Each structure stands twice: as C-alpha cells, then as structure tokens.
C-alpha cells in the first residue's frame, strides 16, 4: 500500500513514519541517520534537555528528524524511506484532481 500524505488545517502535510505516527513536513528542518558521533551527542544532550520525541516503539532508531521547534524526533524507518514517502505523496498529490 502506497504511503500518502495527509492534509490537515493550515496546510500541514503529514507523512506516516510508522506505528500510526505522522510528522508534519512543514516543521522538518533535517532528517539524518543517527550513526555519527556528532548526531549521537546531540541526541544524548537532547534527552537530558527533554526535547526528544521517541516514536520508535522500542525499535532501533534509524533516523533523527530535527524540527523548527527545536525538538528531535527519533524514528524507526530510514531517512531514505521517509524521503521516498514524501516523493510518492507529492507525486500522487499532483495527479489527484478534486
């Protein structure tokens, strides 16, 4: 089943990131893999500061999504998978006519 973006009030485009969770694309600044030492350090510091939103449901973190609000969202799907969902959702959105 193809993942689709969902539109809500104020034009927010939501992308499904697994386990019934969605991310608002208009709030995303960067999507990175958490493997490098600098990103791991930022995530560790974020946990201490309380700005981490963990939506992995206990699975391994495969991406860290930085938002314009300063929060960091930990996700259990890869950045490539998120980018693919965004691309396919936007392509489908351009074809749909209401």
PDB file of N, CA and C in Angstrom:
ATOM      1  N   UNK A   1       0.839  -1.169   0.000  1.00  0.00           N
ATOM      2  CA  UNK A   1       0.000   0.000   0.000  1.00  0.00           C
ATOM      3  C   UNK A   1       0.890   1.239   0.000  1.00  0.00           C
ATOM      4  N   UNK A   2       0.674   2.132  -0.926  1.00  0.00           N
ATOM      5  CA  UNK A   2       1.473   3.346  -1.028  1.00  0.00           C
ATOM      6  C   UNK A   2       1.161   4.285   0.124  1.00  0.00           C
ATOM      7  N   UNK A   3       2.211   4.876   0.671  1.00  0.00           N
ATOM      8  CA  UNK A   3       2.025   5.832   1.753  1.00  0.00           C
ATOM      9  C   UNK A   3       1.588   7.162   1.148  1.00  0.00           C
ATOM     10  N   UNK A   4       0.640   7.798   1.749  1.00  0.00           N
ATOM     11  CA  UNK A   4       0.151   9.066   1.250  1.00  0.00           C
ATOM     12  C   UNK A   4       0.286  10.130   2.317  1.00  0.00           C
ATOM     13  N   UNK A   5       0.467  11.348   1.854  1.00  0.00           N
ATOM     14  CA  UNK A   5       0.492  12.487   2.780  1.00  0.00           C
ATOM     15  C   UNK A   5      -0.943  12.820   3.139  1.00  0.00           C
ATOM     16  N   UNK A   6      -1.147  13.267   4.328  1.00  0.00           N
ATOM     17  CA  UNK A   6      -2.473  13.690   4.764  1.00  0.00           C
ATOM     18  C   UNK A   6      -2.434  15.188   4.992  1.00  0.00           C
ATOM     19  N   UNK A   7      -3.466  15.861   4.533  1.00  0.00           N
ATOM     20  CA  UNK A   7      -3.564  17.307   4.720  1.00  0.00           C
ATOM     21  C   UNK A   7      -4.499  17.592   5.894  1.00  0.00           C
ATOM     22  N   UNK A   8      -4.109  18.501   6.741  1.00  0.00           N
ATOM     23  CA  UNK A   8      -4.951  18.949   7.838  1.00  0.00           C
ATOM     24  C   UNK A   8      -5.053  20.474   7.764  1.00  0.00           C
ATOM     25  N   UNK A   9      -5.736  21.059   8.702  1.00  0.00           N
ATOM     26  CA  UNK A   9      -5.887  22.516   8.690  1.00  0.00           C
ATOM     27  C   UNK A   9      -4.543  23.230   8.604  1.00  0.00           C
ATOM     28  N   UNK A  10      -4.571  24.404   8.054  1.00  0.00           N
ATOM     29  CA  UNK A  10      -3.411  25.280   7.926  1.00  0.00           C
ATOM     30  C   UNK A  10      -2.363  24.723   6.965  1.00  0.00           C
ATOM     31  N   UNK A  11      -2.737  23.798   6.094  1.00  0.00           N
ATOM     32  CA  UNK A  11      -1.847  23.320   5.055  1.00  0.00           C
ATOM     33  C   UNK A  11      -0.731  22.407   5.514  1.00  0.00           C
ATOM     34  N   UNK A  12      -0.793  21.850   6.694  1.00  0.00           N
ATOM     35  CA  UNK A  12       0.255  20.946   7.164  1.00  0.00           C
ATOM     36  C   UNK A  12       0.176  19.642   6.382  1.00  0.00           C
ATOM     37  N   UNK A  13       1.295  19.220   5.849  1.00  0.00           N
ATOM     38  CA  UNK A  13       1.366  17.961   5.116  1.00  0.00           C
ATOM     39  C   UNK A  13       1.977  16.923   6.055  1.00  0.00           C
ATOM     40  N   UNK A  14       1.232  15.856   6.339  1.00  0.00           N
ATOM     41  CA  UNK A  14       1.677  14.829   7.277  1.00  0.00           C
ATOM     42  C   UNK A  14       2.154  13.601   6.522  1.00  0.00           C
ATOM     43  N   UNK A  15       3.278  13.050   6.967  1.00  0.00           N
ATOM     44  CA  UNK A  15       3.829  11.828   6.385  1.00  0.00           C
ATOM     45  C   UNK A  15       3.867  10.749   7.458  1.00  0.00           C
ATOM     46  N   UNK A  16       3.393   9.564   7.099  1.00  0.00           N
ATOM     47  CA  UNK A  16       3.377   8.425   8.016  1.00  0.00           C
ATOM     48  C   UNK A  16       4.802   7.926   8.232  1.00  0.00           C
ATOM     49  N   UNK A  17       5.205   7.796   9.486  1.00  0.00           N
ATOM     50  CA  UNK A  17       6.557   7.338   9.799  1.00  0.00           C
ATOM     51  C   UNK A  17       6.549   6.061  10.634  1.00  0.00           C
ATOM     52  N   UNK A  18       5.444   5.338  10.585  1.00  0.00           N
ATOM     53  CA  UNK A  18       5.380   4.048  11.251  1.00  0.00           C
ATOM     54  C   UNK A  18       4.634   4.064  12.566  1.00  0.00           C
ATOM     55  N   UNK A  19       4.023   2.937  12.880  1.00  0.00           N
ATOM     56  CA  UNK A  19       3.319   2.700  14.144  1.00  0.00           C
ATOM     57  C   UNK A  19       2.213   3.721  14.396  1.00  0.00           C
ATOM     58  N   UNK A  20       1.563   4.177  13.322  1.00  0.00           N
ATOM     59  CA  UNK A  20       0.468   5.118  13.454  1.00  0.00           C
ATOM     60  C   UNK A  20       0.895   6.541  13.763  1.00  0.00           C
ATOM     61  N   UNK A  21       2.168   6.845  13.560  1.00  0.00           N
ATOM     62  CA  UNK A  21       2.697   8.178  13.842  1.00  0.00           C
ATOM     63  C   UNK A  21       2.942   8.947  12.551  1.00  0.00           C
ATOM     64  N   UNK A  22       2.764  10.251  12.612  1.00  0.00           N
ATOM     65  CA  UNK A  22       2.935  11.132  11.463  1.00  0.00           C
ATOM     66  C   UNK A  22       3.821  12.307  11.846  1.00  0.00           C
ATOM     67  N   UNK A  23       4.509  12.856  10.840  1.00  0.00           N
ATOM     68  CA  UNK A  23       5.340  14.041  11.033  1.00  0.00           C
ATOM     69  C   UNK A  23       4.841  15.125  10.090  1.00  0.00           C
ATOM     70  N   UNK A  24       4.765  16.356  10.579  1.00  0.00           N
ATOM     71  CA  UNK A  24       4.368  17.494   9.757  1.00  0.00           C
ATOM     72  C   UNK A  24       5.585  17.971   8.966  1.00  0.00           C
ATOM     73  N   UNK A  25       5.503  17.857   7.649  1.00  0.00           N
ATOM     74  CA  UNK A  25       6.644  18.201   6.802  1.00  0.00           C
ATOM     75  C   UNK A  25       7.011  19.675   6.858  1.00  0.00           C
ATOM     76  N   UNK A  26       6.030  20.534   7.080  1.00  0.00           N
ATOM     77  CA  UNK A  26       6.343  21.961   7.130  1.00  0.00           C
ATOM     78  C   UNK A  26       7.161  22.334   8.363  1.00  0.00           C
ATOM     79  N   UNK A  27       7.324  21.420   9.305  1.00  0.00           N
ATOM     80  CA  UNK A  27       8.115  21.657  10.519  1.00  0.00           C
ATOM     81  C   UNK A  27       9.499  21.018  10.467  1.00  0.00           C
ATOM     82  N   UNK A  28       9.774  20.197   9.451  1.00  0.00           N
ATOM     83  CA  UNK A  28      11.032  19.447   9.375  1.00  0.00           C
ATOM     84  C   UNK A  28      12.146  20.341   8.838  1.00  0.00           C
ATOM     85  N   UNK A  29      13.274  20.332   9.544  1.00  0.00           N
ATOM     86  CA  UNK A  29      14.459  21.062   9.121  1.00  0.00           C
ATOM     87  C   UNK A  29      15.454  20.096   8.480  1.00  0.00           C
ATOM     88  N   UNK A  30      15.652  18.919   9.104  1.00  0.00           N
ATOM     89  CA  UNK A  30      16.614  17.937   8.593  1.00  0.00           C
ATOM     90  C   UNK A  30      16.212  16.536   9.033  1.00  0.00           C
ATOM     91  N   UNK A  31      16.559  15.556   8.193  1.00  0.00           N
ATOM     92  CA  UNK A  31      16.363  14.139   8.515  1.00  0.00           C
ATOM     93  C   UNK A  31      17.715  13.476   8.350  1.00  0.00           C
ATOM     94  N   UNK A  32      18.258  12.925   9.445  1.00  0.00           N
ATOM     95  CA  UNK A  32      19.618  12.391   9.423  1.00  0.00           C
ATOM     96  C   UNK A  32      19.662  10.981  10.006  1.00  0.00           C
ATOM     97  N   UNK A  33      20.715  10.246   9.644  1.00  0.00           N
ATOM     98  CA  UNK A  33      20.953   8.956  10.280  1.00  0.00           C
ATOM     99  C   UNK A  33      21.658   9.209  11.610  1.00  0.00           C
ATOM    100  N   UNK A  34      21.335   8.430  12.625  1.00  0.00           N
ATOM    101  CA  UNK A  34      21.888   8.704  13.959  1.00  0.00           C
ATOM    102  C   UNK A  34      23.231   8.020  14.233  1.00  0.00           C
ATOM    103  N   UNK A  35      23.917   7.574  13.187  1.00  0.00           N
ATOM    104  CA  UNK A  35      25.134   6.784  13.387  1.00  0.00           C
ATOM    105  C   UNK A  35      26.377   7.571  13.730  1.00  0.00           C
ATOM    106  N   UNK A  36      26.481   8.815  13.292  1.00  0.00           N
ATOM    107  CA  UNK A  36      27.717   9.565  13.517  1.00  0.00           C
ATOM    108  C   UNK A  36      27.800  10.054  14.962  1.00  0.00           C
ATOM    109  N   UNK A  37      29.015  10.224  15.424  1.00  0.00           N
ATOM    110  CA  UNK A  37      29.236  10.665  16.803  1.00  0.00           C
ATOM    111  C   UNK A  37      28.608  12.031  17.093  1.00  0.00           C
ATOM    112  N   UNK A  38      28.718  13.019  16.192  1.00  0.00           N
ATOM    113  CA  UNK A  38      28.094  14.310  16.499  1.00  0.00           C
ATOM    114  C   UNK A  38      26.569  14.222  16.661  1.00  0.00           C
ATOM    115  N   UNK A  39      25.902  13.441  15.816  1.00  0.00           N
ATOM    116  CA  UNK A  39      24.448  13.291  15.931  1.00  0.00           C
ATOM    117  C   UNK A  39      24.101  12.546  17.209  1.00  0.00           C
ATOM    118  N   UNK A  40      24.866  11.511  17.546  1.00  0.00           N
ATOM    119  CA  UNK A  40      24.626  10.783  18.791  1.00  0.00           C
ATOM    120  C   UNK A  40      24.775  11.710  19.997  1.00  0.00           C
ATOM    121  N   UNK A  41      25.748  12.601  19.936  1.00  0.00           N
ATOM    122  CA  UNK A  41      25.967  13.567  21.013  1.00  0.00           C
ATOM    123  C   UNK A  41      24.776  14.523  21.131  1.00  0.00           C
ATOM    124  N   UNK A  42      24.281  15.009  19.989  1.00  0.00           N
ATOM    125  CA  UNK A  42      23.132  15.920  20.004  1.00  0.00           C
ATOM    126  C   UNK A  42      21.901  15.216  20.576  1.00  0.00           C
ATOM    127  N   UNK A  43      21.680  13.953  20.178  1.00  0.00           N
ATOM    128  CA  UNK A  43      20.535  13.190  20.688  1.00  0.00           C
ATOM    129  C   UNK A  43      20.679  12.948  22.187  1.00  0.00           C
ATOM    130  N   UNK A  44      21.873  12.586  22.627  1.00  0.00           N
ATOM    131  CA  UNK A  44      22.111  12.354  24.058  1.00  0.00           C
ATOM    132  C   UNK A  44      21.859  13.641  24.856  1.00  0.00           C
ATOM    133  N   UNK A  45      22.351  14.766  24.356  1.00  0.00           N
ATOM    134  CA  UNK A  45      22.110  16.049  25.023  1.00  0.00           C
ATOM    135  C   UNK A  45      20.624  16.412  24.989  1.00  0.00           C
ATOM    136  N   UNK A  46      19.969  16.085  23.878  1.00  0.00           N
ATOM    137  CA  UNK A  46      18.531  16.347  23.746  1.00  0.00           C
ATOM    138  C   UNK A  46      17.715  15.571  24.762  1.00  0.00           C
ATOM    139  N   UNK A  47      18.132  14.344  25.047  1.00  0.00           N
ATOM    140  CA  UNK A  47      17.431  13.538  26.064  1.00  0.00           C
ATOM    141  C   UNK A  47      17.544  14.204  27.430  1.00  0.00           C
ATOM    142  N   UNK A  48      18.716  14.754  27.724  1.00  0.00           N
ATOM    143  CA  UNK A  48      18.903  15.436  29.007  1.00  0.00           C
ATOM    144  C   UNK A  48      18.045  16.694  29.092  1.00  0.00           C
ATOM    145  N   UNK A  49      17.892  17.397  27.964  1.00  0.00           N
ATOM    146  CA  UNK A  49      17.123  18.648  27.929  1.00  0.00           C
ATOM    147  C   UNK A  49      15.625  18.418  27.744  1.00  0.00           C
ATOM    148  N   UNK A  50      15.226  17.183  27.438  1.00  0.00           N
ATOM    149  CA  UNK A  50      13.802  16.869  27.295  1.00  0.00           C
ATOM    150  C   UNK A  50      13.192  17.301  25.972  1.00  0.00           C
ATOM    151  N   UNK A  51      13.995  17.370  24.920  1.00  0.00           N
ATOM    152  CA  UNK A  51      13.474  17.787  23.611  1.00  0.00           C
ATOM    153  C   UNK A  51      13.341  16.624  22.628  1.00  0.00           C
ATOM    154  N   UNK A  52      13.553  15.411  23.115  1.00  0.00           N
ATOM    155  CA  UNK A  52      13.456  14.224  22.260  1.00  0.00           C
ATOM    156  C   UNK A  52      12.026  13.699  22.264  1.00  0.00           C
ATOM    157  N   UNK A  53      11.529  13.372  21.064  1.00  0.00           N
ATOM    158  CA  UNK A  53      10.248  12.687  20.918  1.00  0.00           C
ATOM    159  C   UNK A  53      10.569  11.341  20.291  1.00  0.00           C
ATOM    160  N   UNK A  54      10.449  10.275  21.063  1.00  0.00           N
ATOM    161  CA  UNK A  54      10.808   8.930  20.598  1.00  0.00           C
ATOM    162  C   UNK A  54       9.557   8.208  20.113  1.00  0.00           C
ATOM    163  N   UNK A  55       9.460   8.007  18.797  1.00  0.00           N
ATOM    164  CA  UNK A  55       8.305   7.291  18.234  1.00  0.00           C
ATOM    165  C   UNK A  55       8.749   5.999  17.557  1.00  0.00           C
ATOM    166  N   UNK A  56       9.780   5.361  18.130  1.00  0.00           N
ATOM    167  CA  UNK A  56      10.303   4.116  17.566  1.00  0.00           C
ATOM    168  C   UNK A  56       9.558   2.881  18.063  1.00  0.00           C
ATOM    169  N   UNK A  57       8.735   3.020  19.066  1.00  0.00           N
ATOM    170  CA  UNK A  57       8.023   1.892  19.687  1.00  0.00           C
ATOM    171  C   UNK A  57       8.980   0.781  20.110  1.00  0.00           C
ATOM    172  N   UNK A  58      10.129   1.184  20.655  1.00  0.00           N
ATOM    173  CA  UNK A  58      11.096   0.212  21.163  1.00  0.00           C
ATOM    174  C   UNK A  58      12.019  -0.366  20.110  1.00  0.00           C
ATOM    175  N   UNK A  59      11.847   0.002  18.873  1.00  0.00           N
ATOM    176  CA  UNK A  59      12.716  -0.500  17.799  1.00  0.00           C
ATOM    177  C   UNK A  59      13.972   0.354  17.702  1.00  0.00           C
ATOM    178  N   UNK A  60      14.907  -0.120  16.894  1.00  0.00           N
ATOM    179  CA  UNK A  60      16.164   0.599  16.689  1.00  0.00           C
ATOM    180  C   UNK A  60      15.907   1.924  15.960  1.00  0.00           C
ATOM    181  N   UNK A  61      16.544   2.981  16.415  1.00  0.00           N
ATOM    182  CA  UNK A  61      16.407   4.289  15.782  1.00  0.00           C
ATOM    183  C   UNK A  61      17.193   4.306  14.480  1.00  0.00           C
ATOM    184  N   UNK A  62      16.508   4.598  13.377  1.00  0.00           N
ATOM    185  CA  UNK A  62      17.162   4.643  12.071  1.00  0.00           C
ATOM    186  C   UNK A  62      17.235   6.052  11.503  1.00  0.00           C
ATOM    187  N   UNK A  63      16.504   6.990  12.098  1.00  0.00           N
ATOM    188  CA  UNK A  63      16.562   8.381  11.648  1.00  0.00           C
ATOM    189  C   UNK A  63      16.249   9.308  12.805  1.00  0.00           C
ATOM    190  N   UNK A  64      16.874  10.472  12.762  1.00  0.00           N
ATOM    191  CA  UNK A  64      16.571  11.550  13.697  1.00  0.00           C
ATOM    192  C   UNK A  64      16.064  12.716  12.863  1.00  0.00           C
ATOM    193  N   UNK A  65      14.870  13.194  13.201  1.00  0.00           N
ATOM    194  CA  UNK A  65      14.247  14.282  12.459  1.00  0.00           C
ATOM    195  C   UNK A  65      14.316  15.536  13.327  1.00  0.00           C
ATOM    196  N   UNK A  66      14.989  16.565  12.822  1.00  0.00           N
ATOM    197  CA  UNK A  66      15.109  17.833  13.525  1.00  0.00           C
ATOM    198  C   UNK A  66      13.993  18.754  13.052  1.00  0.00           C
ATOM    199  N   UNK A  67      13.318  19.396  13.991  1.00  0.00           N
ATOM    200  CA  UNK A  67      12.192  20.264  13.649  1.00  0.00           C
ATOM    201  C   UNK A  67      12.533  21.730  13.920  1.00  0.00           C
ATOM    202  N   UNK A  68      11.729  22.609  13.346  1.00  0.00           N
ATOM    203  CA  UNK A  68      11.947  24.039  13.539  1.00  0.00           C
ATOM    204  C   UNK A  68      11.591  24.501  14.952  1.00  0.00           C
ATOM    205  N   UNK A  69      10.928  23.656  15.716  1.00  0.00           N
ATOM    206  CA  UNK A  69      10.600  23.990  17.108  1.00  0.00           C
ATOM    207  C   UNK A  69      11.729  23.618  18.063  1.00  0.00           C
ATOM    208  N   UNK A  70      12.778  22.986  17.541  1.00  0.00           N
ATOM    209  CA  UNK A  70      13.903  22.584  18.375  1.00  0.00           C
ATOM    210  C   UNK A  70      13.821  21.161  18.882  1.00  0.00           C
ATOM    211  N   UNK A  71      12.730  20.475  18.599  1.00  0.00           N
ATOM    212  CA  UNK A  71      12.592  19.080  19.018  1.00  0.00           C
ATOM    213  C   UNK A  71      13.334  18.164  18.054  1.00  0.00           C
ATOM    214  N   UNK A  72      13.674  16.985  18.558  1.00  0.00           N
ATOM    215  CA  UNK A  72      14.291  15.947  17.744  1.00  0.00           C
ATOM    216  C   UNK A  72      13.393  14.726  17.843  1.00  0.00           C
ATOM    217  N   UNK A  73      12.918  14.239  16.705  1.00  0.00           N
ATOM    218  CA  UNK A  73      12.018  13.087  16.668  1.00  0.00           C
ATOM    219  C   UNK A  73      12.829  11.872  16.235  1.00  0.00           C
ATOM    220  N   UNK A  74      12.840  10.827  17.058  1.00  0.00           N
ATOM    221  CA  UNK A  74      13.536   9.584  16.729  1.00  0.00           C
ATOM    222  C   UNK A  74      12.548   8.645  16.058  1.00  0.00           C
ATOM    223  N   UNK A  75      12.941   8.116  14.890  1.00  0.00           N
ATOM    224  CA  UNK A  75      12.044   7.333  14.048  1.00  0.00           C
ATOM    225  C   UNK A  75      12.696   5.987  13.730  1.00  0.00           C
ATOM    226  N   UNK A  76      11.869   4.953  13.559  1.00  0.00           N
ATOM    227  CA  UNK A  76      12.371   3.604  13.294  1.00  0.00           C
ATOM    228  C   UNK A  76      12.426   3.261  11.811  1.00  0.00           C
ATOM    229  N   UNK A  77      12.284   4.252  10.916  1.00  0.00           N
ATOM    230  CA  UNK A  77      12.463   3.999   9.488  1.00  0.00           C
ATOM    231  C   UNK A  77      13.598   4.884   8.980  1.00  0.00           C
ATOM    232  N   UNK A  78      14.209   4.503   7.884  1.00  0.00           N
ATOM    233  CA  UNK A  78      15.388   5.201   7.379  1.00  0.00           C
ATOM    234  C   UNK A  78      15.035   6.542   6.751  1.00  0.00           C
ATOM    235  N   UNK A  79      16.000   7.446   6.697  1.00  0.00           N
ATOM    236  CA  UNK A  79      15.772   8.723   6.022  1.00  0.00           C
ATOM    237  C   UNK A  79      15.381   8.527   4.552  1.00  0.00           C
ATOM    238  N   UNK A  80      15.947   7.510   3.911  1.00  0.00           N
ATOM    239  CA  UNK A  80      15.613   7.214   2.514  1.00  0.00           C
ATOM    240  C   UNK A  80      14.148   6.823   2.368  1.00  0.00           C
ATOM    241  N   UNK A  81      13.638   6.047   3.323  1.00  0.00           N
ATOM    242  CA  UNK A  81      12.231   5.636   3.294  1.00  0.00           C
ATOM    243  C   UNK A  81      11.318   6.838   3.492  1.00  0.00           C
ATOM    244  N   UNK A  82      11.696   7.732   4.390  1.00  0.00           N
ATOM    245  CA  UNK A  82      10.897   8.944   4.610  1.00  0.00           C
ATOM    246  C   UNK A  82      10.893   9.797   3.347  1.00  0.00           C
ATOM    247  N   UNK A  83      12.070   9.970   2.738  1.00  0.00           N
ATOM    248  CA  UNK A  83      12.165  10.768   1.507  1.00  0.00           C
ATOM    249  C   UNK A  83      11.336  10.142   0.393  1.00  0.00           C
ATOM    250  N   UNK A  84      11.343   8.815   0.310  1.00  0.00           N
ATOM    251  CA  UNK A  84      10.533   8.127  -0.696  1.00  0.00           C
ATOM    252  C   UNK A  84       9.051   8.352  -0.476  1.00  0.00           C
ATOM    253  N   UNK A  85       8.631   8.334   0.758  1.00  0.00           N
ATOM    254  CA  UNK A  85       7.216   8.571   1.072  1.00  0.00           C
ATOM    255  C   UNK A  85       6.807   9.997   0.726  1.00  0.00           C
ATOM    256  N   UNK A  86       7.699  10.934   0.991  1.00  0.00           N
ATOM    257  CA  UNK A  86       7.413  12.334   0.648  1.00  0.00           C
ATOM    258  C   UNK A  86       7.298  12.482  -0.864  1.00  0.00           C
ATOM    259  N   UNK A  87       8.240  11.906  -1.591  1.00  0.00           N
ATOM    260  CA  UNK A  87       8.232  11.995  -3.053  1.00  0.00           C
ATOM    261  C   UNK A  87       6.989  11.370  -3.647  1.00  0.00           C
ATOM    262  N   UNK A  88       6.638  10.169  -3.195  1.00  0.00           N
ATOM    263  CA  UNK A  88       5.462   9.495  -3.751  1.00  0.00           C
ATOM    264  C   UNK A  88       4.174  10.219  -3.365  1.00  0.00           C
ATOM    265  N   UNK A  89       4.128  10.760  -2.153  1.00  0.00           N
ATOM    266  CA  UNK A  89       2.930  11.500  -1.727  1.00  0.00           C
ATOM    267  C   UNK A  89       2.759  12.769  -2.546  1.00  0.00           C
ATOM    268  N   UNK A  90       3.849  13.456  -2.795  1.00  0.00           N
ATOM    269  CA  UNK A  90       3.764  14.697  -3.584  1.00  0.00           C
ATOM    270  C   UNK A  90       3.464  14.409  -5.038  1.00  0.00           C
ATOM    271  N   UNK A  91       3.971  13.308  -5.560  1.00  0.00           N
ATOM    272  CA  UNK A  91       3.658  12.929  -6.951  1.00  0.00           C
ATOM    273  C   UNK A  91       2.191  12.579  -7.073  1.00  0.00           C
ATOM    274  N   UNK A  92       1.652  11.854  -6.110  1.00  0.00           N
ATOM    275  CA  UNK A  92       0.232  11.487  -6.115  1.00  0.00           C
ATOM    276  C   UNK A  92      -0.660  12.688  -5.921  1.00  0.00           C
ATOM    277  N   UNK A  93      -0.192  13.651  -5.146  1.00  0.00           N
ATOM    278  CA  UNK A  93      -0.958  14.863  -4.883  1.00  0.00           C
ATOM    279  C   UNK A  93      -1.103  15.693  -6.150  1.00  0.00           C
ATOM    280  N   UNK A  94      -0.064  15.706  -6.982  1.00  0.00           N
ATOM    281  CA  UNK A  94      -0.111  16.463  -8.212  1.00  0.00           C
ATOM    282  C   UNK A  94      -1.055  15.863  -9.239  1.00  0.00           C
ATOM    283  N   UNK A  95      -1.272  14.544  -9.169  1.00  0.00           N
ATOM    284  CA  UNK A  95      -2.145  13.854 -10.124  1.00  0.00           C
ATOM    285  C   UNK A  95      -3.607  13.909  -9.695  1.00  0.00           C
ATOM    286  N   UNK A  96      -3.851  13.993  -8.390  1.00  0.00           N
ATOM    287  CA  UNK A  96      -5.233  13.974  -7.896  1.00  0.00           C
ATOM    288  C   UNK A  96      -5.917  15.290  -8.180  1.00  0.00           C
ATOM    289  N   UNK A  97      -7.105  15.227  -8.719  1.00  0.00           N
ATOM    290  CA  UNK A  97      -7.890  16.427  -9.005  1.00  0.00           C
ATOM    291  C   UNK A  97      -9.225  16.300  -8.309  1.00  0.00           C
ATOM    292  N   UNK A  98      -9.556  17.314  -7.523  1.00  0.00           N
ATOM    293  CA  UNK A  98     -10.830  17.290  -6.797  1.00  0.00           C
ATOM    294  C   UNK A  98     -11.868  18.073  -7.547  1.00  0.00           C
TER     295      UNK A  98
END
